[in-house]
């Protein structure tokens, strides 16, 4: 239970950190930078 709570906290913190830096363009930005989508990220 504690481990699950910590995971959720870290995940929520990561989302809060990433969203302002990379707005909803994450897939497009990654596709443009790498030129090809990573395996599994269709």
C-alpha atoms as a PDB file:
ATOM      1  CA  UNK A   1       0.000   0.000   0.000  1.00  0.00           C
ATOM      2  CA  UNK A   2       2.761   2.422   0.935  1.00  0.00           C
ATOM      3  CA  UNK A   3       4.714   1.570  -2.201  1.00  0.00           C
ATOM      4  CA  UNK A   4       1.651   2.210  -4.359  1.00  0.00           C
ATOM      5  CA  UNK A   5       1.087   5.575  -2.667  1.00  0.00           C
ATOM      6  CA  UNK A   6       4.694   6.606  -3.275  1.00  0.00           C
ATOM      7  CA  UNK A   7       4.460   5.559  -6.922  1.00  0.00           C
ATOM      8  CA  UNK A   8       1.348   7.675  -7.400  1.00  0.00           C
ATOM      9  CA  UNK A   9       3.039  10.630  -5.717  1.00  0.00           C
ATOM     10  CA  UNK A  10       6.110  10.364  -7.950  1.00  0.00           C
ATOM     11  CA  UNK A  11       3.960   9.922 -11.064  1.00  0.00           C
ATOM     12  CA  UNK A  12       1.837  12.944 -10.176  1.00  0.00           C
ATOM     13  CA  UNK A  13       4.951  15.012  -9.520  1.00  0.00           C
ATOM     14  CA  UNK A  14       6.449  13.931 -12.847  1.00  0.00           C
ATOM     15  CA  UNK A  15       3.292  14.969 -14.701  1.00  0.00           C
ATOM     16  CA  UNK A  16       3.294  18.341 -12.960  1.00  0.00           C
ATOM     17  CA  UNK A  17       6.922  18.837 -13.955  1.00  0.00           C
ATOM     18  CA  UNK A  18       6.570  17.748 -17.576  1.00  0.00           C
ATOM     19  CA  UNK A  19       3.299  19.417 -18.559  1.00  0.00           C
ATOM     20  CA  UNK A  20       4.519  23.043 -18.383  1.00  0.00           C
ATOM     21  CA  UNK A  21       7.751  22.207 -20.219  1.00  0.00           C
ATOM     22  CA  UNK A  22       6.159  20.111 -22.952  1.00  0.00           C
ATOM     23  CA  UNK A  23       2.569  21.009 -23.715  1.00  0.00           C
ATOM     24  CA  UNK A  24       0.348  18.398 -25.342  1.00  0.00           C
ATOM     25  CA  UNK A  25       2.790  18.327 -28.312  1.00  0.00           C
ATOM     26  CA  UNK A  26       4.835  15.500 -26.724  1.00  0.00           C
ATOM     27  CA  UNK A  27       4.217  12.887 -29.484  1.00  0.00           C
ATOM     28  CA  UNK A  28       4.691  15.430 -32.276  1.00  0.00           C
ATOM     29  CA  UNK A  29       7.843  16.881 -30.713  1.00  0.00           C
ATOM     30  CA  UNK A  30       9.362  13.425 -30.198  1.00  0.00           C
ATOM     31  CA  UNK A  31       8.457  12.401 -33.746  1.00  0.00           C
ATOM     32  CA  UNK A  32      10.012  15.570 -35.178  1.00  0.00           C
ATOM     33  CA  UNK A  33      13.202  15.245 -33.125  1.00  0.00           C
ATOM     34  CA  UNK A  34      13.834  11.550 -33.742  1.00  0.00           C
ATOM     35  CA  UNK A  35      12.412  11.573 -37.249  1.00  0.00           C
ATOM     36  CA  UNK A  36      10.842   8.201 -36.506  1.00  0.00           C
ATOM     37  CA  UNK A  37       8.505   7.109 -33.753  1.00  0.00           C
ATOM     38  CA  UNK A  38      10.031   4.878 -31.110  1.00  0.00           C
ATOM     39  CA  UNK A  39       8.928   1.228 -31.119  1.00  0.00           C
ATOM     40  CA  UNK A  40       5.659   0.848 -29.304  1.00  0.00           C
ATOM     41  CA  UNK A  41       4.764   4.513 -29.609  1.00  0.00           C
ATOM     42  CA  UNK A  42       2.573   4.342 -32.690  1.00  0.00           C
END
